[in-house]
């Protein structure tokens, strides 16, 4: 066969072209099943496949491209972070490639492999879990990465996060100042550092302020979603747990509370006050407008991108973490408790 192509190799090996590309690239071969990689390399050898000079040069030449890995493009948290990244990339003469994982580890592995096959110089990752084998693998392969909003436990990587603990303490102190004593925390997923840190901060704040501590006043959500917030609040109400206010793990979970208020005939804040976290767009348009902790998401993107570009240009730069300040935005969803 004259001048076999990558597609020819992929067909001979019975795999997708993207898989063949990853298998033939030493930097991404670890993302492919070992037997599949051997099959692809045997097919390439038998066909006499030689990568074109431009593709081959990308191994040493700088692509001036970075990849961004998001768990959910529909989450309003991420657009301002992406905008911050893009603002820095534009100034630096770089481009960005964005992939969405839908919180699926298999999809994430495939999407990251695709980014690496495009020879991105580094990754900004917003999907990290406390236990995250893929990040450990990529770190061992010396892939340059910066994490946003997350801190995995087993790998030392640069991170840029809002002050989650400080923000939750602000929320609890705000409610306590209004006179609330029994406050419910709808905690985020405990598989994420964000969920763990915010839940721990809630417990500390309640104890430090002398409020009522009751295990029934913490309900864990499996996802950072409106539906899960509604499910969790419904479960607490059905158990008959008494409380006058809610600190939600994030704004989406808080929106789930609003859904339950509507179906149960509850008034906010007359019956239950609610505080969210993140200050997503349009929260001031809700009825009532949502009190929330505002995090500087655009600045998170800016700082993460700057850190990644620094790591790319300075190979020996040690990992460091940046914690950005947050603020409480008091709106109409919180008020002094009334008898119910």
Protein backbone atom coordinates (compact mmCIF):
# COMPACT_ATOMS: atom_id res chain seq x y z
CA UNK A 1 0.00 0.00 0.00
CA UNK A 2 1.45 3.39 -1.02
CA UNK A 3 1.57 6.06 1.65
CA UNK A 4 -0.75 4.40 4.19
CA UNK A 5 -2.68 6.82 6.39
CA UNK A 6 -3.58 6.77 10.05
CA UNK A 7 -7.09 5.71 9.03
CA UNK A 8 -5.60 2.73 7.19
CA UNK A 9 -3.77 1.70 10.34
CA UNK A 10 -6.94 2.12 12.42
CA UNK A 11 -8.97 -0.05 10.02
CA UNK A 12 -6.29 -2.74 9.96
CA UNK A 13 -6.23 -2.81 13.76
CA UNK A 14 -10.02 -2.63 14.08
CA UNK A 15 -10.05 0.57 16.14
CA UNK A 16 -11.11 4.21 15.81
CA UNK A 17 -8.57 6.60 14.26
CA UNK A 18 -8.34 8.57 17.52
CA UNK A 19 -7.45 5.37 19.38
CA UNK A 20 -4.81 4.53 16.78
CA UNK A 21 -3.35 8.02 17.15
CA UNK A 22 -3.11 7.66 20.94
CA UNK A 23 -1.54 4.20 20.65
CA UNK A 24 1.13 5.44 18.24
CA UNK A 25 2.02 8.42 20.45
CA UNK A 26 4.33 7.47 23.37
CA UNK A 27 2.90 10.33 25.42
CA UNK A 28 -0.68 9.02 25.23
CA UNK A 29 -0.12 5.28 24.81
CA UNK A 30 -0.83 4.70 28.50
CA UNK A 31 -4.44 5.80 27.93
CA UNK A 32 -5.02 2.83 25.59
CA UNK A 33 -5.47 -0.81 26.57
CA UNK A 34 -2.06 -2.51 26.32
CA UNK A 35 -3.23 -5.24 23.92
CA UNK A 36 -4.97 -2.67 21.71
CA UNK A 37 -1.81 -0.56 21.61
CA UNK A 38 0.27 -3.59 20.55
CA UNK A 39 -2.26 -4.43 17.83
CA UNK A 40 -2.14 -0.87 16.47
CA UNK A 41 1.66 -0.80 16.45
CA UNK A 42 1.82 -4.18 14.66
CA UNK A 43 -0.64 -2.89 12.05
CA UNK A 44 1.40 0.29 11.54
CA UNK A 45 4.59 -1.73 11.12
CA UNK A 46 3.04 -4.18 8.66
CA UNK A 47 1.62 -1.36 6.53
CA UNK A 48 4.82 0.65 6.64
CA UNK A 49 3.01 3.62 8.16
CA UNK A 50 5.16 6.69 8.83
CA UNK A 51 3.58 9.75 10.54
CA UNK A 52 3.69 12.87 8.39
CA UNK A 53 6.50 15.28 9.27
CA UNK A 54 4.15 17.94 10.67
CA UNK A 55 2.48 15.53 13.07
CA UNK A 56 5.84 14.10 14.09
CA UNK A 57 7.25 17.57 14.78
CA UNK A 58 4.43 18.31 17.20
CA UNK A 59 6.15 16.05 19.72
CA UNK A 60 8.85 18.66 20.17
CA UNK A 61 7.34 21.83 18.70
CA UNK A 62 4.96 23.86 20.87
CA UNK A 63 1.34 23.62 19.77
CA UNK A 64 0.41 26.75 21.78
CA UNK A 65 -2.81 25.01 22.73
CA UNK A 66 -4.16 23.94 26.11
CA UNK A 67 -7.11 21.71 26.95
CA UNK A 68 -9.88 22.34 29.47
CA UNK A 69 -11.78 19.43 31.01
CA UNK A 70 -15.25 20.27 32.39
CA UNK A 71 -17.69 17.93 34.15
CA UNK A 72 -20.90 19.62 32.99
CA UNK A 73 -21.14 22.35 30.37
CA UNK A 74 -24.71 23.09 31.48
CA UNK A 75 -23.59 24.15 34.96
CA UNK A 76 -23.60 28.00 35.05
CA UNK A 77 -20.53 27.86 37.30
CA UNK A 78 -18.18 27.13 34.40
CA UNK A 79 -18.73 29.81 31.68
CA UNK A 80 -17.08 32.61 33.70
CA UNK A 81 -14.15 30.30 34.51
CA UNK A 82 -13.77 29.47 30.82
CA UNK A 83 -13.96 33.17 29.97
CA UNK A 84 -11.15 33.90 32.41
CA UNK A 85 -9.02 31.17 30.81
CA UNK A 86 -9.72 32.47 27.31
CA UNK A 87 -8.81 36.05 28.26
CA UNK A 88 -5.35 34.93 29.36
CA UNK A 89 -4.87 32.58 26.40
CA UNK A 90 -5.70 35.35 23.94
CA UNK A 91 -3.07 37.65 25.44
CA UNK A 92 -0.48 34.85 25.39
CA UNK A 93 -1.17 33.83 21.79
CA UNK A 94 -2.58 30.45 22.82
CA UNK A 95 -5.77 28.61 21.91
CA UNK A 96 -7.98 26.40 24.05
CA UNK A 97 -9.87 23.17 23.42
CA UNK A 98 -12.82 22.41 25.74
CA UNK A 99 -14.22 18.93 26.43
CA UNK A 100 -17.23 17.91 28.51
CA UNK A 101 -17.22 14.65 30.51
CA UNK A 102 -20.81 14.50 31.85
CA UNK A 103 -19.21 13.31 35.11
CA UNK A 104 -18.49 9.95 33.42
CA UNK A 105 -14.97 8.54 34.10
CA UNK A 106 -14.98 6.61 30.82
CA UNK A 107 -15.92 9.67 28.81
CA UNK A 108 -13.34 11.71 30.70
CA UNK A 109 -10.54 9.24 29.90
CA UNK A 110 -11.49 9.22 26.23
CA UNK A 111 -11.78 13.01 26.01
CA UNK A 112 -8.47 13.60 27.76
CA UNK A 113 -6.85 11.12 25.39
CA UNK A 114 -8.23 13.08 22.46
CA UNK A 115 -6.84 16.33 23.85
CA UNK A 116 -3.40 14.77 24.30
CA UNK A 117 -3.51 13.37 20.77
CA UNK A 118 -3.85 17.00 19.64
CA UNK A 119 -0.61 17.68 21.53
CA UNK A 120 -2.04 20.22 23.96
CA UNK A 121 0.73 21.61 26.15
CA UNK A 122 -1.26 21.30 29.37
CA UNK A 123 -4.68 20.82 30.93
CA UNK A 124 -6.98 22.86 33.16
CA UNK A 125 -9.14 20.30 34.94
CA UNK A 126 -12.43 20.97 36.75
CA UNK A 127 -13.48 17.34 37.19
CA UNK A 128 -11.16 16.12 39.95
CA UNK A 129 -12.51 13.75 42.60
CA UNK A 130 -10.84 12.92 45.91
CA UNK A 131 -9.92 9.54 44.38
CA UNK A 132 -8.94 10.17 40.76
CA UNK A 133 -6.75 7.48 39.15
CA UNK A 134 -6.61 9.23 35.76
CA UNK A 135 -5.06 12.35 37.27
CA UNK A 136 -2.51 10.18 39.04
CA UNK A 137 -1.63 8.52 35.72
CA UNK A 138 -1.34 11.85 33.91
CA UNK A 139 0.82 13.26 36.69
CA UNK A 140 3.20 10.31 36.39
CA UNK A 141 3.35 10.97 32.64
CA UNK A 142 4.38 14.55 33.51
CA UNK A 143 1.37 16.14 31.82
CA UNK A 144 1.17 19.76 32.94
CA UNK A 145 -2.10 20.38 34.81
CA UNK A 146 -3.84 22.96 37.00
CA UNK A 147 -7.03 22.09 38.87
CA UNK A 148 -9.91 24.49 39.46
CA UNK A 149 -12.40 24.11 42.35
CA UNK A 150 -10.98 20.71 43.36
CA UNK A 151 -8.11 19.18 45.32
CA UNK A 152 -7.51 15.40 44.93
CA UNK A 153 -5.95 13.61 47.88
CA UNK A 154 -3.23 11.45 46.32
CA UNK A 155 -1.49 13.75 43.86
CA UNK A 156 0.27 17.09 44.31
CA UNK A 157 -1.01 19.43 41.60
CA UNK A 158 -1.43 23.21 41.34
CA UNK A 159 -4.94 24.26 42.33
CA UNK A 160 -7.04 27.43 42.22
CA UNK A 161 -10.10 27.36 44.46
CA UNK A 162 -12.43 29.78 46.23
CA UNK A 163 -12.30 29.91 50.02
CA UNK A 164 -14.97 27.24 50.50
CA UNK A 165 -14.55 26.99 54.27
CA UNK A 166 -14.62 30.75 54.76
CA UNK A 167 -17.71 31.08 52.57
CA UNK A 168 -19.69 28.48 54.49
CA UNK A 169 -18.69 30.10 57.77
CA UNK A 170 -20.02 33.43 56.41
CA UNK A 171 -23.32 31.77 55.48
CA UNK A 172 -23.80 30.16 58.90
CA UNK A 173 -22.80 33.36 60.72
CA UNK A 174 -25.28 35.36 58.61
CA UNK A 175 -28.13 33.02 59.53
CA UNK A 176 -27.11 32.88 63.18
CA UNK A 177 -27.09 36.69 63.23
CA UNK A 178 -30.69 36.64 62.06
CA UNK A 179 -31.59 34.37 64.99
CA UNK A 180 -31.59 30.90 63.42
CA UNK A 181 -30.53 28.08 65.78
CA UNK A 182 -31.37 24.90 63.84
CA UNK A 183 -29.77 25.16 60.41
CA UNK A 184 -29.82 22.36 57.83
CA UNK A 185 -26.87 21.72 55.54
CA UNK A 186 -27.60 20.09 52.18
CA UNK A 187 -24.04 18.96 51.56
CA UNK A 188 -22.48 18.44 48.14
CA UNK A 189 -21.04 15.10 46.99
CA UNK A 190 -18.53 13.73 49.49
CA UNK A 191 -16.50 12.30 46.62
CA UNK A 192 -15.31 15.85 45.90
CA UNK A 193 -13.00 18.04 47.95
CA UNK A 194 -15.51 20.88 47.64
CA UNK A 195 -18.29 18.83 49.21
CA UNK A 196 -16.04 17.58 52.00
CA UNK A 197 -14.54 20.99 52.82
CA UNK A 198 -17.91 22.79 52.85
CA UNK A 199 -19.55 20.09 55.02
CA UNK A 200 -16.64 20.17 57.48
CA UNK A 201 -16.76 23.98 57.59
CA UNK A 202 -20.49 23.87 58.31
CA UNK A 203 -20.00 21.55 61.29
CA UNK A 204 -17.20 23.72 62.65
CA UNK A 205 -19.20 26.95 62.24
CA UNK A 206 -22.29 25.52 63.94
CA UNK A 207 -20.18 24.34 66.87
CA UNK A 208 -18.14 27.54 67.14
CA UNK A 209 -21.27 29.73 67.11
CA UNK A 210 -23.01 27.62 69.75
CA UNK A 211 -25.86 26.55 67.47
CA UNK A 212 -27.70 23.24 67.74
CA UNK A 213 -25.62 20.30 66.52
CA UNK A 214 -27.72 17.39 65.30
CA UNK A 215 -26.69 14.70 62.77
CA UNK A 216 -30.18 14.99 61.27
CA UNK A 217 -29.29 18.53 60.21
CA UNK A 218 -26.81 17.35 57.57
CA UNK A 219 -28.14 15.67 54.42
CA UNK A 220 -25.73 14.61 51.68
CA UNK A 221 -26.47 15.12 48.00
CA UNK A 222 -24.98 12.71 45.46
CA UNK A 223 -24.70 15.37 42.74
CA UNK A 224 -24.31 19.14 42.47
CA UNK A 225 -27.75 19.46 40.88
CA UNK A 226 -31.17 21.03 41.32
CA UNK A 227 -32.90 17.65 41.23
CA UNK A 228 -30.64 16.30 43.95
CA UNK A 229 -31.22 19.36 46.10
CA UNK A 230 -34.97 18.81 45.81
CA UNK A 231 -34.61 15.11 46.65
CA UNK A 232 -32.48 15.81 49.70
CA UNK A 233 -34.75 18.51 51.13
CA UNK A 234 -37.82 16.35 50.55
CA UNK A 235 -36.19 13.49 52.46
CA UNK A 236 -35.46 15.77 55.44
CA UNK A 237 -38.99 17.18 55.48
CA UNK A 238 -40.50 13.70 55.24
CA UNK A 239 -38.52 12.63 58.31
CA UNK A 240 -40.04 15.51 60.26
CA UNK A 241 -36.68 17.13 61.10
CA UNK A 242 -37.16 20.63 62.50
CA UNK A 243 -35.10 23.50 61.08
CA UNK A 244 -35.62 27.12 60.08
CA UNK A 245 -32.84 27.67 57.54
CA UNK A 246 -30.77 25.87 54.91
CA UNK A 247 -27.15 26.28 53.87
CA UNK A 248 -27.04 24.60 50.46
CA UNK A 249 -23.84 23.08 49.10
CA UNK A 250 -24.17 25.25 45.99
CA UNK A 251 -26.71 27.38 44.14
CA UNK A 252 -28.09 24.48 42.10
CA UNK A 253 -28.87 22.56 45.28
CA UNK A 254 -30.49 25.73 46.63
CA UNK A 255 -32.67 25.94 43.50
CA UNK A 256 -33.89 22.44 44.32
CA UNK A 257 -35.09 23.84 47.65
CA UNK A 258 -37.18 26.41 45.78
CA UNK A 259 -38.81 23.58 43.82
CA UNK A 260 -39.80 21.84 47.06
CA UNK A 261 -41.13 25.06 48.57
CA UNK A 262 -43.47 25.40 45.59
CA UNK A 263 -44.78 21.83 45.85
CA UNK A 264 -45.08 21.82 49.66
CA UNK A 265 -46.64 25.27 49.99
CA UNK A 266 -43.72 26.60 52.02
CA UNK A 267 -42.77 30.28 51.97
CA UNK A 268 -39.19 31.51 51.71
CA UNK A 269 -37.96 33.15 53.86
CA UNK A 270 -41.06 33.24 56.10
CA UNK A 271 -40.99 29.48 56.72
CA UNK A 272 -37.42 28.59 55.69
CA UNK A 273 -34.43 30.78 54.83
CA UNK A 274 -31.92 29.57 52.23
CA UNK A 275 -28.31 30.42 51.41
CA UNK A 276 -26.53 29.10 48.30
CA UNK A 277 -22.91 29.12 47.18
CA UNK A 278 -21.32 30.45 43.93
CA UNK A 279 -23.58 33.40 42.99
CA UNK A 280 -24.60 32.07 39.59
CA UNK A 281 -26.09 34.51 37.07
CA UNK A 282 -29.74 35.58 37.44
CA UNK A 283 -30.12 34.59 41.11
CA UNK A 284 -31.32 38.13 41.76
CA UNK A 285 -34.26 37.41 39.41
CA UNK A 286 -35.61 34.56 41.55
CA UNK A 287 -38.58 35.07 43.85
CA UNK A 288 -37.25 35.64 46.40
CA UNK A 289 -33.73 36.54 45.16
CA UNK A 290 -31.25 34.02 46.55
CA UNK A 291 -28.78 34.94 49.27
CA UNK A 292 -25.50 33.27 48.35
CA UNK A 293 -21.74 33.20 48.74
CA UNK A 294 -20.12 34.88 45.75
CA UNK A 295 -16.96 33.24 44.38
CA UNK A 296 -14.68 35.00 41.83
CA UNK A 297 -15.06 32.48 39.01
CA UNK A 298 -13.60 34.66 36.26
CA UNK A 299 -10.54 35.26 38.44
CA UNK A 300 -10.30 31.51 39.10
CA UNK A 301 -10.00 30.97 35.34
CA UNK A 302 -7.46 33.77 34.99
CA UNK A 303 -5.25 32.48 37.81
CA UNK A 304 -5.48 28.86 36.66
CA UNK A 305 -4.45 29.74 33.12
CA UNK A 306 -1.57 31.92 34.28
CA UNK A 307 -0.34 29.10 36.51
CA UNK A 308 -0.55 26.58 33.69
CA UNK A 309 1.37 28.78 31.25
CA UNK A 310 3.99 29.37 33.93
CA UNK A 311 4.30 25.61 34.50
CA UNK A 312 4.69 25.05 30.75
CA UNK A 313 7.46 27.62 30.42
CA UNK A 314 9.17 26.74 33.72
CA UNK A 315 9.41 22.93 33.76
CA UNK A 316 10.79 22.69 37.31
CA UNK A 317 8.22 25.03 38.88
CA UNK A 318 6.80 23.38 42.05
CA UNK A 319 3.07 22.87 42.53
CA UNK A 320 1.33 25.61 44.47
CA UNK A 321 -2.24 26.39 45.47
CA UNK A 322 -4.15 29.66 45.27
CA UNK A 323 -7.12 30.33 47.55
CA UNK A 324 -9.29 33.23 46.39
CA UNK A 325 -11.51 35.24 48.76
CA UNK A 326 -15.31 35.04 48.67
CA UNK A 327 -18.09 37.32 49.92
CA UNK A 328 -21.66 36.97 51.13
CA UNK A 329 -24.40 38.53 48.99
CA UNK A 330 -27.49 38.98 51.17
CA UNK A 331 -30.76 38.97 49.28
CA UNK A 332 -34.40 38.17 49.98
CA UNK A 333 -34.17 34.45 50.70
CA UNK A 334 -32.96 34.99 54.27
CA UNK A 335 -34.75 36.66 57.20
CA UNK A 336 -35.29 36.23 60.91
CA UNK A 337 -37.09 32.95 61.79
CA UNK A 338 -40.79 33.02 62.51
CA UNK A 339 -42.91 30.44 64.34
CA UNK A 340 -44.17 27.72 62.00
